[in-house]
Amino acid sequence: MQASAARTRIQISTKKTLKEQAEALFDSLGIDLGTAVNLFLAQSVKDGGLPFRPTSISPFENAVLEAAREKPVYVGSMDEMKDIIDNV
């Protein structure tokens, strides 16, 4: 019989809505919240850091990045530009 690994309890506080949303997400993936947290911890240890790149992008910066991904529109005259603006 193999000895089980020592286990410990972790307590965290989070917003109720965030917990409910996370539980629904993980349930759709077939795992519970505890399993998801353990996966996060194990991957963090394996990677030697967070298993994702944290970002802090403001809504304005996000809008600029989205606009930069759009295909540019080239116009040949002011009248053509006015027509495009009027139809937006």
N, C-alpha and C. Protein backbone atom coordinates (compact mmCIF):
# COMPACT_ATOMS: atom_id res chain seq x y z
N MET A 1 0.85 -1.19 0.00
CA MET A 1 0.00 0.00 0.00
C MET A 1 0.88 1.24 0.00
N GLN A 2 0.61 2.15 -0.90
CA GLN A 2 1.41 3.36 -1.04
C GLN A 2 0.93 4.41 -0.04
N ALA A 3 1.86 5.06 0.65
CA ALA A 3 1.50 6.12 1.59
C ALA A 3 1.00 7.33 0.82
N SER A 4 -0.10 7.92 1.29
CA SER A 4 -0.62 9.10 0.60
C SER A 4 0.22 10.32 0.95
N ALA A 5 0.30 11.24 0.01
CA ALA A 5 1.06 12.47 0.23
C ALA A 5 0.36 13.30 1.30
N ALA A 6 1.16 13.97 2.12
CA ALA A 6 0.57 14.85 3.14
C ALA A 6 -0.22 15.94 2.44
N ARG A 7 -1.37 16.24 2.98
CA ARG A 7 -2.24 17.24 2.37
C ARG A 7 -2.41 18.39 3.35
N THR A 8 -2.70 19.55 2.82
CA THR A 8 -2.95 20.73 3.64
C THR A 8 -4.11 21.51 3.04
N ARG A 9 -4.69 22.36 3.82
CA ARG A 9 -5.85 23.15 3.39
C ARG A 9 -5.40 24.57 3.10
N ILE A 10 -5.96 25.14 2.05
CA ILE A 10 -5.73 26.55 1.69
C ILE A 10 -7.07 27.26 1.78
N GLN A 11 -7.10 28.40 2.45
CA GLN A 11 -8.31 29.20 2.51
C GLN A 11 -8.04 30.52 1.81
N ILE A 12 -8.95 30.91 0.90
CA ILE A 12 -8.83 32.19 0.22
C ILE A 12 -10.18 32.89 0.25
N SER A 13 -10.14 34.18 0.10
CA SER A 13 -11.37 34.97 -0.03
C SER A 13 -11.44 35.53 -1.43
N THR A 14 -12.63 35.52 -2.00
CA THR A 14 -12.84 36.09 -3.32
C THR A 14 -14.28 36.58 -3.41
N LYS A 15 -14.57 37.30 -4.44
CA LYS A 15 -15.94 37.78 -4.63
C LYS A 15 -16.85 36.60 -4.95
N LYS A 16 -18.06 36.66 -4.41
CA LYS A 16 -19.02 35.57 -4.60
C LYS A 16 -19.31 35.33 -6.08
N THR A 17 -19.48 36.41 -6.84
CA THR A 17 -19.80 36.24 -8.27
C THR A 17 -18.64 35.62 -9.02
N LEU A 18 -17.39 35.99 -8.66
CA LEU A 18 -16.23 35.40 -9.32
C LEU A 18 -16.17 33.90 -9.04
N LYS A 19 -16.41 33.52 -7.79
CA LYS A 19 -16.41 32.10 -7.43
C LYS A 19 -17.47 31.34 -8.21
N GLU A 20 -18.67 31.91 -8.30
CA GLU A 20 -19.76 31.25 -9.01
C GLU A 20 -19.44 31.11 -10.50
N GLN A 21 -18.86 32.16 -11.09
CA GLN A 21 -18.50 32.10 -12.51
C GLN A 21 -17.40 31.07 -12.75
N ALA A 22 -16.41 31.03 -11.85
CA ALA A 22 -15.32 30.06 -11.98
C ALA A 22 -15.85 28.63 -11.82
N GLU A 23 -16.73 28.43 -10.84
CA GLU A 23 -17.31 27.09 -10.64
C GLU A 23 -18.08 26.64 -11.87
N ALA A 24 -18.84 27.55 -12.48
CA ALA A 24 -19.60 27.20 -13.69
C ALA A 24 -18.65 26.85 -14.84
N LEU A 25 -17.59 27.63 -14.99
CA LEU A 25 -16.61 27.37 -16.04
C LEU A 25 -15.96 26.01 -15.84
N PHE A 26 -15.44 25.77 -14.63
CA PHE A 26 -14.74 24.52 -14.39
C PHE A 26 -15.68 23.32 -14.45
N ASP A 27 -16.93 23.51 -14.03
CA ASP A 27 -17.92 22.45 -14.15
C ASP A 27 -18.11 22.07 -15.62
N SER A 28 -18.12 23.08 -16.51
CA SER A 28 -18.27 22.81 -17.94
C SER A 28 -17.05 22.06 -18.50
N LEU A 29 -15.92 22.18 -17.79
CA LEU A 29 -14.70 21.47 -18.19
C LEU A 29 -14.57 20.11 -17.50
N GLY A 30 -15.53 19.82 -16.62
CA GLY A 30 -15.54 18.52 -15.95
C GLY A 30 -14.65 18.44 -14.72
N ILE A 31 -14.30 19.60 -14.15
CA ILE A 31 -13.49 19.59 -12.93
C ILE A 31 -14.12 20.52 -11.90
N ASP A 32 -13.76 20.31 -10.64
CA ASP A 32 -14.27 21.20 -9.60
C ASP A 32 -13.26 22.31 -9.32
N LEU A 33 -13.67 23.26 -8.49
CA LEU A 33 -12.83 24.42 -8.19
C LEU A 33 -11.52 24.01 -7.53
N GLY A 34 -11.57 23.07 -6.61
CA GLY A 34 -10.36 22.60 -5.93
C GLY A 34 -9.35 21.99 -6.90
N THR A 35 -9.85 21.20 -7.84
CA THR A 35 -8.97 20.60 -8.85
C THR A 35 -8.35 21.69 -9.72
N ALA A 36 -9.15 22.69 -10.09
CA ALA A 36 -8.64 23.79 -10.92
C ALA A 36 -7.54 24.55 -10.18
N VAL A 37 -7.73 24.82 -8.90
CA VAL A 37 -6.71 25.52 -8.11
C VAL A 37 -5.44 24.66 -8.04
N ASN A 38 -5.59 23.35 -7.82
CA ASN A 38 -4.42 22.47 -7.77
C ASN A 38 -3.70 22.42 -9.12
N LEU A 39 -4.45 22.44 -10.22
CA LEU A 39 -3.83 22.50 -11.55
C LEU A 39 -3.03 23.79 -11.71
N PHE A 40 -3.62 24.90 -11.27
CA PHE A 40 -2.94 26.20 -11.34
C PHE A 40 -1.64 26.17 -10.54
N LEU A 41 -1.71 25.66 -9.31
CA LEU A 41 -0.52 25.60 -8.46
C LEU A 41 0.56 24.71 -9.07
N ALA A 42 0.16 23.54 -9.55
CA ALA A 42 1.13 22.60 -10.14
C ALA A 42 1.79 23.21 -11.38
N GLN A 43 1.01 23.86 -12.22
CA GLN A 43 1.57 24.46 -13.44
C GLN A 43 2.48 25.63 -13.09
N SER A 44 2.12 26.41 -12.07
CA SER A 44 2.97 27.51 -11.62
C SER A 44 4.32 27.00 -11.15
N VAL A 45 4.31 25.92 -10.37
CA VAL A 45 5.57 25.33 -9.89
C VAL A 45 6.39 24.81 -11.07
N LYS A 46 5.73 24.12 -11.99
CA LYS A 46 6.42 23.58 -13.17
C LYS A 46 7.06 24.69 -13.99
N ASP A 47 6.32 25.81 -14.20
CA ASP A 47 6.80 26.92 -15.02
C ASP A 47 7.77 27.83 -14.26
N GLY A 48 7.79 27.71 -12.95
CA GLY A 48 8.63 28.61 -12.15
C GLY A 48 8.07 30.02 -12.12
N GLY A 49 6.78 30.16 -12.25
CA GLY A 49 6.10 31.46 -12.26
C GLY A 49 4.65 31.26 -12.63
N LEU A 50 3.98 32.36 -12.89
CA LEU A 50 2.57 32.26 -13.28
C LEU A 50 2.46 31.56 -14.63
N PRO A 51 1.44 30.71 -14.81
CA PRO A 51 1.30 30.00 -16.08
C PRO A 51 0.61 30.83 -17.16
N PHE A 52 0.63 32.12 -17.00
CA PHE A 52 0.07 33.04 -17.98
C PHE A 52 0.78 34.37 -17.79
N ARG A 53 0.66 35.25 -18.77
CA ARG A 53 1.28 36.57 -18.67
C ARG A 53 0.23 37.57 -18.21
N PRO A 54 0.38 38.09 -16.99
CA PRO A 54 -0.60 39.06 -16.51
C PRO A 54 -0.50 40.36 -17.30
N THR A 55 -1.63 40.97 -17.54
CA THR A 55 -1.64 42.23 -18.27
C THR A 55 -2.48 43.25 -17.51
N SER A 56 -2.21 44.47 -17.77
CA SER A 56 -2.97 45.56 -17.18
C SER A 56 -3.24 46.57 -18.28
N ILE A 57 -4.23 46.28 -19.09
CA ILE A 57 -4.55 47.14 -20.22
C ILE A 57 -5.85 47.88 -19.91
N SER A 58 -5.79 49.18 -20.04
CA SER A 58 -6.98 50.00 -19.80
C SER A 58 -7.96 49.79 -20.96
N PRO A 59 -9.24 50.11 -20.74
CA PRO A 59 -10.21 50.01 -21.83
C PRO A 59 -9.79 50.84 -23.06
N PHE A 60 -9.18 52.00 -22.82
CA PHE A 60 -8.73 52.83 -23.94
C PHE A 60 -7.62 52.12 -24.72
N GLU A 61 -6.62 51.57 -23.98
CA GLU A 61 -5.53 50.85 -24.65
C GLU A 61 -6.06 49.65 -25.41
N ASN A 62 -7.03 48.97 -24.84
CA ASN A 62 -7.64 47.82 -25.50
C ASN A 62 -8.33 48.26 -26.80
N ALA A 63 -9.03 49.39 -26.76
CA ALA A 63 -9.71 49.90 -27.96
C ALA A 63 -8.69 50.28 -29.04
N VAL A 64 -7.58 50.87 -28.62
CA VAL A 64 -6.53 51.23 -29.58
C VAL A 64 -5.95 49.98 -30.22
N LEU A 65 -5.70 48.94 -29.41
CA LEU A 65 -5.16 47.69 -29.95
C LEU A 65 -6.14 47.03 -30.92
N GLU A 66 -7.42 47.07 -30.58
CA GLU A 66 -8.44 46.51 -31.48
C GLU A 66 -8.48 47.29 -32.79
N ALA A 67 -8.42 48.61 -32.71
CA ALA A 67 -8.44 49.45 -33.91
C ALA A 67 -7.21 49.18 -34.77
N ALA A 68 -6.07 48.94 -34.14
CA ALA A 68 -4.84 48.68 -34.89
C ALA A 68 -4.91 47.37 -35.66
N ARG A 69 -5.76 46.44 -35.20
CA ARG A 69 -5.90 45.16 -35.90
C ARG A 69 -6.83 45.25 -37.11
N GLU A 70 -7.58 46.35 -37.21
CA GLU A 70 -8.49 46.51 -38.33
C GLU A 70 -7.72 46.84 -39.60
N LYS A 71 -8.25 46.38 -40.71
CA LYS A 71 -7.64 46.65 -42.01
C LYS A 71 -7.79 48.14 -42.33
N PRO A 72 -6.70 48.80 -42.74
CA PRO A 72 -6.81 50.23 -43.06
C PRO A 72 -7.67 50.47 -44.30
N VAL A 73 -8.31 51.62 -44.33
CA VAL A 73 -9.12 52.02 -45.47
C VAL A 73 -8.41 53.19 -46.13
N TYR A 74 -8.14 53.06 -47.40
CA TYR A 74 -7.47 54.12 -48.16
C TYR A 74 -8.50 54.85 -49.01
N VAL A 75 -8.41 56.16 -49.02
CA VAL A 75 -9.33 56.98 -49.81
C VAL A 75 -8.54 57.85 -50.78
N GLY A 76 -9.20 58.20 -51.89
CA GLY A 76 -8.52 58.99 -52.91
C GLY A 76 -8.85 60.47 -52.87
N SER A 77 -9.92 60.83 -52.11
CA SER A 77 -10.31 62.24 -52.08
C SER A 77 -11.05 62.54 -50.78
N MET A 78 -11.20 63.82 -50.50
CA MET A 78 -11.95 64.25 -49.32
C MET A 78 -13.41 63.83 -49.43
N ASP A 79 -13.97 63.92 -50.61
CA ASP A 79 -15.37 63.53 -50.79
C ASP A 79 -15.58 62.05 -50.48
N GLU A 80 -14.63 61.23 -50.91
CA GLU A 80 -14.71 59.80 -50.62
C GLU A 80 -14.62 59.56 -49.11
N MET A 81 -13.76 60.33 -48.42
CA MET A 81 -13.63 60.20 -46.97
C MET A 81 -14.93 60.61 -46.28
N LYS A 82 -15.52 61.71 -46.75
CA LYS A 82 -16.79 62.17 -46.16
C LYS A 82 -17.87 61.12 -46.33
N ASP A 83 -17.92 60.47 -47.49
CA ASP A 83 -18.91 59.41 -47.73
C ASP A 83 -18.72 58.25 -46.75
N ILE A 84 -17.46 57.89 -46.51
CA ILE A 84 -17.18 56.80 -45.57
C ILE A 84 -17.60 57.20 -44.16
N ILE A 85 -17.27 58.41 -43.74
CA ILE A 85 -17.62 58.89 -42.40
C ILE A 85 -19.12 58.96 -42.24
N ASP A 86 -19.83 59.42 -43.26
CA ASP A 86 -21.28 59.53 -43.18
C ASP A 86 -21.97 58.18 -43.08
N ASN A 87 -21.31 57.13 -43.54
CA ASN A 87 -21.92 55.78 -43.55
C ASN A 87 -21.44 54.90 -42.40
N VAL A 88 -20.76 55.48 -41.41
CA VAL A 88 -20.27 54.68 -40.28
C VAL A 88 -21.36 54.55 -39.26
